[in-house]
C-alpha cells in the first residue's frame, strides 16, 4: 500500500501526458505599438458609420482612429488625461506610443506627439513661472498658475526647457 501512495503522483502525470493535457502556458503580454491618428468619440463614430442610436447628450467614449481606419479605446490614465480633457488635441494628427492588451483593442498611452506640416512636435504643458513640464492641463503643482500647452518641433536642438 505504501508503494501505491508513492507512485500515485507519477501515475497522475503519466495519465495527463497520455491524454494530451498541456501544461499551463505563459500569460500573454501587452503589445507595444505606435499609432498615427486622431482622437474621436467612439460612440459618435459608430453613430455616423453604423446608425447606432445615441442620446442627444451622452458621455464621450474616447479612442483613437488610425490612418488605416482602425479604432482603439483609450484607457484613462494620468499619461492619457490630456487626450480626454483638452479638446485642442482632438484636432491634431497624433503619433501615440502605447500598449495594447491581449485579446482587446484597449490602448494604454505611454507618450504622444503631434504632426504639424510633416514635422513631429512634442506636446506638453508648461509653467513659465516655475519652468516645470506637466502631462495634462491644469494648474502648476508648484505655484498653482495655469500651465500652457506647448507644441515644439523635435527637430530643434535646445537645452533651454522653456519654449
C-alpha atoms as a PDB file:
ATOM      1  CA  UNK A   1       0.000   0.000   0.000  1.00  0.00           C
ATOM      2  CA  UNK A   2       2.884   2.348   0.723  1.00  0.00           C
ATOM      3  CA  UNK A   3       4.273   1.845  -2.766  1.00  0.00           C
ATOM      4  CA  UNK A   4       0.942   2.790  -4.317  1.00  0.00           C
ATOM      5  CA  UNK A   5       0.851   6.066  -2.366  1.00  0.00           C
ATOM      6  CA  UNK A   6       4.380   6.909  -3.513  1.00  0.00           C
ATOM      7  CA  UNK A   7       3.677   6.084  -7.120  1.00  0.00           C
ATOM      8  CA  UNK A   8       0.272   7.798  -7.403  1.00  0.00           C
ATOM      9  CA  UNK A   9       1.732  11.242  -8.408  1.00  0.00           C
ATOM     10  CA  UNK A  10       3.681   9.529 -11.177  1.00  0.00           C
ATOM     11  CA  UNK A  11       0.540   7.766 -12.430  1.00  0.00           C
ATOM     12  CA  UNK A  12      -1.336  11.083 -12.489  1.00  0.00           C
ATOM     13  CA  UNK A  13       1.430  12.689 -14.539  1.00  0.00           C
ATOM     14  CA  UNK A  14       1.553   9.679 -16.861  1.00  0.00           C
ATOM     15  CA  UNK A  15      -2.225   9.827 -17.395  1.00  0.00           C
ATOM     16  CA  UNK A  16      -2.043  13.584 -18.150  1.00  0.00           C
ATOM     17  CA  UNK A  17       0.757  13.049 -20.660  1.00  0.00           C
ATOM     18  CA  UNK A  18      -1.054  10.211 -22.386  1.00  0.00           C
ATOM     19  CA  UNK A  19      -4.335  12.166 -22.517  1.00  0.00           C
ATOM     20  CA  UNK A  20      -2.639  15.079 -24.287  1.00  0.00           C
ATOM     21  CA  UNK A  21      -3.138  17.589 -21.498  1.00  0.00           C
ATOM     22  CA  UNK A  22      -0.924  20.608 -21.918  1.00  0.00           C
ATOM     23  CA  UNK A  23       0.995  22.287 -19.115  1.00  0.00           C
ATOM     24  CA  UNK A  24      -0.078  25.833 -18.244  1.00  0.00           C
ATOM     25  CA  UNK A  25       1.121  28.308 -20.847  1.00  0.00           C
ATOM     26  CA  UNK A  26       2.687  31.681 -20.251  1.00  0.00           C
ATOM     27  CA  UNK A  27       0.407  34.663 -19.785  1.00  0.00           C
ATOM     28  CA  UNK A  28       0.302  36.768 -22.981  1.00  0.00           C
ATOM     29  CA  UNK A  29       1.991  40.151 -22.662  1.00  0.00           C
ATOM     30  CA  UNK A  30       0.695  43.535 -23.873  1.00  0.00           C
ATOM     31  CA  UNK A  31       1.966  44.565 -27.303  1.00  0.00           C
ATOM     32  CA  UNK A  32       3.815  47.869 -27.699  1.00  0.00           C
ATOM     33  CA  UNK A  33       2.548  49.927 -30.630  1.00  0.00           C
ATOM     34  CA  UNK A  34       2.993  53.256 -32.351  1.00  0.00           C
ATOM     35  CA  UNK A  35      -0.251  54.537 -33.865  1.00  0.00           C
ATOM     36  CA  UNK A  36      -0.874  57.547 -36.066  1.00  0.00           C
ATOM     37  CA  UNK A  37      -4.354  59.007 -35.966  1.00  0.00           C
ATOM     38  CA  UNK A  38      -6.859  61.292 -34.281  1.00  0.00           C
ATOM     39  CA  UNK A  39      -8.811  61.322 -31.038  1.00  0.00           C
ATOM     40  CA  UNK A  40     -12.517  60.636 -31.628  1.00  0.00           C
ATOM     41  CA  UNK A  41     -15.623  59.846 -29.635  1.00  0.00           C
ATOM     42  CA  UNK A  42     -16.127  56.173 -30.469  1.00  0.00           C
ATOM     43  CA  UNK A  43     -19.871  56.340 -29.794  1.00  0.00           C
ATOM     44  CA  UNK A  44     -20.283  59.201 -32.278  1.00  0.00           C
ATOM     45  CA  UNK A  45     -18.156  57.370 -34.855  1.00  0.00           C
ATOM     46  CA  UNK A  46     -20.384  54.297 -34.547  1.00  0.00           C
ATOM     47  CA  UNK A  47     -23.442  56.556 -34.862  1.00  0.00           C
ATOM     48  CA  UNK A  48     -22.033  58.126 -38.044  1.00  0.00           C
ATOM     49  CA  UNK A  49     -20.963  54.873 -39.698  1.00  0.00           C
ATOM     50  CA  UNK A  50     -23.490  52.348 -38.385  1.00  0.00           C
ATOM     51  CA  UNK A  51     -26.512  54.412 -37.255  1.00  0.00           C
ATOM     52  CA  UNK A  52     -26.072  53.450 -33.610  1.00  0.00           C
ATOM     53  CA  UNK A  53     -28.756  55.241 -31.613  1.00  0.00           C
ATOM     54  CA  UNK A  54     -27.318  57.754 -29.133  1.00  0.00           C
ATOM     55  CA  UNK A  55     -28.858  60.101 -26.613  1.00  0.00           C
ATOM     56  CA  UNK A  56     -28.512  63.773 -27.566  1.00  0.00           C
ATOM     57  CA  UNK A  57     -26.302  64.219 -24.528  1.00  0.00           C
ATOM     58  CA  UNK A  58     -24.040  61.270 -23.869  1.00  0.00           C
ATOM     59  CA  UNK A  59     -20.705  60.723 -22.155  1.00  0.00           C
ATOM     60  CA  UNK A  60     -17.877  60.623 -24.654  1.00  0.00           C
ATOM     61  CA  UNK A  61     -16.065  57.338 -25.080  1.00  0.00           C
ATOM     62  CA  UNK A  62     -12.705  58.494 -26.404  1.00  0.00           C
ATOM     63  CA  UNK A  63     -10.488  56.465 -28.628  1.00  0.00           C
ATOM     64  CA  UNK A  64      -8.024  56.677 -31.468  1.00  0.00           C
ATOM     65  CA  UNK A  65      -8.982  56.330 -35.104  1.00  0.00           C
ATOM     66  CA  UNK A  66      -5.836  55.375 -37.002  1.00  0.00           C
ATOM     67  CA  UNK A  67      -4.974  56.389 -40.544  1.00  0.00           C
ATOM     68  CA  UNK A  68      -5.915  52.834 -41.558  1.00  0.00           C
ATOM     69  CA  UNK A  69      -9.401  53.328 -40.071  1.00  0.00           C
ATOM     70  CA  UNK A  70      -8.916  51.025 -37.074  1.00  0.00           C
ATOM     71  CA  UNK A  71     -10.331  52.081 -33.702  1.00  0.00           C
ATOM     72  CA  UNK A  72      -8.746  51.699 -30.263  1.00  0.00           C
ATOM     73  CA  UNK A  73     -10.373  52.589 -26.943  1.00  0.00           C
ATOM     74  CA  UNK A  74      -8.253  54.841 -24.719  1.00  0.00           C
ATOM     75  CA  UNK A  75      -7.691  53.818 -21.120  1.00  0.00           C
ATOM     76  CA  UNK A  76      -7.945  56.859 -18.870  1.00  0.00           C
ATOM     77  CA  UNK A  77      -4.563  57.071 -17.143  1.00  0.00           C
ATOM     78  CA  UNK A  78      -2.513  60.007 -15.884  1.00  0.00           C
ATOM     79  CA  UNK A  79      -0.416  59.956 -19.081  1.00  0.00           C
ATOM     80  CA  UNK A  80      -3.553  59.994 -21.272  1.00  0.00           C
ATOM     81  CA  UNK A  81      -5.564  62.541 -19.267  1.00  0.00           C
ATOM     82  CA  UNK A  82      -4.759  65.403 -21.651  1.00  0.00           C
ATOM     83  CA  UNK A  83      -6.328  63.438 -24.525  1.00  0.00           C
ATOM     84  CA  UNK A  84      -9.588  63.294 -22.547  1.00  0.00           C
ATOM     85  CA  UNK A  85      -9.801  66.885 -21.302  1.00  0.00           C
ATOM     86  CA  UNK A  86      -8.030  69.105 -23.865  1.00  0.00           C
ATOM     87  CA  UNK A  87     -10.206  69.324 -26.973  1.00  0.00           C
ATOM     88  CA  UNK A  88      -7.412  71.122 -28.863  1.00  0.00           C
ATOM     89  CA  UNK A  89      -5.641  67.759 -29.041  1.00  0.00           C
ATOM     90  CA  UNK A  90      -8.681  66.242 -30.809  1.00  0.00           C
ATOM     91  CA  UNK A  91      -7.967  68.489 -33.794  1.00  0.00           C
ATOM     92  CA  UNK A  92      -4.362  67.354 -34.220  1.00  0.00           C
ATOM     93  CA  UNK A  93      -2.789  64.485 -36.120  1.00  0.00           C
ATOM     94  CA  UNK A  94      -1.081  62.462 -33.397  1.00  0.00           C
ATOM     95  CA  UNK A  95       1.550  59.802 -33.003  1.00  0.00           C
ATOM     96  CA  UNK A  96       0.676  57.730 -29.937  1.00  0.00           C
ATOM     97  CA  UNK A  97       3.034  55.235 -28.366  1.00  0.00           C
ATOM     98  CA  UNK A  98       1.440  52.768 -26.007  1.00  0.00           C
ATOM     99  CA  UNK A  99       0.461  49.226 -25.211  1.00  0.00           C
ATOM    100  CA  UNK A 100      -2.467  47.157 -26.460  1.00  0.00           C
ATOM    101  CA  UNK A 101      -3.596  44.388 -24.159  1.00  0.00           C
ATOM    102  CA  UNK A 102      -4.070  40.802 -25.376  1.00  0.00           C
ATOM    103  CA  UNK A 103      -7.454  39.998 -26.935  1.00  0.00           C
ATOM    104  CA  UNK A 104      -8.579  43.653 -26.719  1.00  0.00           C
ATOM    105  CA  UNK A 105      -8.456  46.971 -28.546  1.00  0.00           C
ATOM    106  CA  UNK A 106      -7.675  48.803 -25.277  1.00  0.00           C
ATOM    107  CA  UNK A 107      -4.821  51.286 -25.599  1.00  0.00           C
ATOM    108  CA  UNK A 108      -2.698  52.445 -22.685  1.00  0.00           C
ATOM    109  CA  UNK A 109      -0.941  55.668 -23.725  1.00  0.00           C
ATOM    110  CA  UNK A 110       2.725  55.951 -22.815  1.00  0.00           C
ATOM    111  CA  UNK A 111       3.505  59.141 -24.765  1.00  0.00           C
ATOM    112  CA  UNK A 112       2.157  61.139 -27.679  1.00  0.00           C
ATOM    113  CA  UNK A 113       3.298  63.802 -30.114  1.00  0.00           C
ATOM    114  CA  UNK A 114       1.694  65.792 -32.917  1.00  0.00           C
ATOM    115  CA  UNK A 115       2.453  66.002 -36.601  1.00  0.00           C
ATOM    116  CA  UNK A 116       2.317  69.527 -37.983  1.00  0.00           C
ATOM    117  CA  UNK A 117       3.338  70.293 -41.570  1.00  0.00           C
ATOM    118  CA  UNK A 118       5.016  66.880 -41.771  1.00  0.00           C
ATOM    119  CA  UNK A 119       7.197  67.551 -38.711  1.00  0.00           C
ATOM    120  CA  UNK A 120       6.867  65.718 -35.386  1.00  0.00           C
ATOM    121  CA  UNK A 121       6.232  68.034 -32.435  1.00  0.00           C
ATOM    122  CA  UNK A 122       6.453  67.323 -28.726  1.00  0.00           C
ATOM    123  CA  UNK A 123       3.258  68.146 -26.819  1.00  0.00           C
ATOM    124  CA  UNK A 124       3.382  69.076 -23.162  1.00  0.00           C
ATOM    125  CA  UNK A 125       2.052  71.575 -20.657  1.00  0.00           C
ATOM    126  CA  UNK A 126       4.420  74.132 -19.201  1.00  0.00           C
ATOM    127  CA  UNK A 127       4.607  76.610 -16.343  1.00  0.00           C
ATOM    128  CA  UNK A 128       6.632  79.686 -17.363  1.00  0.00           C
ATOM    129  CA  UNK A 129       6.996  80.742 -13.734  1.00  0.00           C
ATOM    130  CA  UNK A 130       8.448  77.527 -12.307  1.00  0.00           C
ATOM    131  CA  UNK A 131       9.923  76.024 -15.514  1.00  0.00           C
ATOM    132  CA  UNK A 132       8.019  72.791 -14.881  1.00  0.00           C
ATOM    133  CA  UNK A 133       6.538  70.474 -17.501  1.00  0.00           C
ATOM    134  CA  UNK A 134       3.272  68.657 -16.914  1.00  0.00           C
ATOM    135  CA  UNK A 135       1.465  65.903 -18.832  1.00  0.00           C
ATOM    136  CA  UNK A 136      -2.047  67.360 -18.540  1.00  0.00           C
ATOM    137  CA  UNK A 137      -3.706  70.775 -18.412  1.00  0.00           C
ATOM    138  CA  UNK A 138      -4.496  72.368 -15.103  1.00  0.00           C
ATOM    139  CA  UNK A 139      -2.551  74.321 -12.542  1.00  0.00           C
ATOM    140  CA  UNK A 140       1.161  74.068 -11.840  1.00  0.00           C
ATOM    141  CA  UNK A 141       1.894  71.754  -8.921  1.00  0.00           C
ATOM    142  CA  UNK A 142       4.284  74.351  -7.524  1.00  0.00           C
ATOM    143  CA  UNK A 143       2.784  77.856  -7.919  1.00  0.00           C
ATOM    144  CA  UNK A 144      -0.791  76.891  -8.893  1.00  0.00           C
ATOM    145  CA  UNK A 145      -0.691  79.120 -12.013  1.00  0.00           C
ATOM    146  CA  UNK A 146      -2.317  77.620 -15.112  1.00  0.00           C
ATOM    147  CA  UNK A 147       0.039  75.667 -17.359  1.00  0.00           C
ATOM    148  CA  UNK A 148       0.025  76.302 -21.117  1.00  0.00           C
ATOM    149  CA  UNK A 149       0.050  73.817 -23.978  1.00  0.00           C
ATOM    150  CA  UNK A 150       3.374  73.777 -25.819  1.00  0.00           C
ATOM    151  CA  UNK A 151       3.839  72.234 -29.261  1.00  0.00           C
ATOM    152  CA  UNK A 152       7.561  72.220 -30.013  1.00  0.00           C
ATOM    153  CA  UNK A 153       9.283  70.759 -33.044  1.00  0.00           C
ATOM    154  CA  UNK A 154      11.503  67.797 -32.178  1.00  0.00           C
ATOM    155  CA  UNK A 155      13.903  68.858 -34.946  1.00  0.00           C
ATOM    156  CA  UNK A 156      15.121  71.809 -32.874  1.00  0.00           C
ATOM    157  CA  UNK A 157      18.147  71.206 -30.651  1.00  0.00           C
ATOM    158  CA  UNK A 158      17.758  73.163 -27.462  1.00  0.00           C
ATOM    159  CA  UNK A 159      18.829  72.706 -23.868  1.00  0.00           C
ATOM    160  CA  UNK A 160      16.533  75.508 -22.699  1.00  0.00           C
ATOM    161  CA  UNK A 161      13.395  73.958 -21.154  1.00  0.00           C
ATOM    162  CA  UNK A 162      11.065  76.852 -21.981  1.00  0.00           C
ATOM    163  CA  UNK A 163       9.533  77.263 -25.471  1.00  0.00           C
END
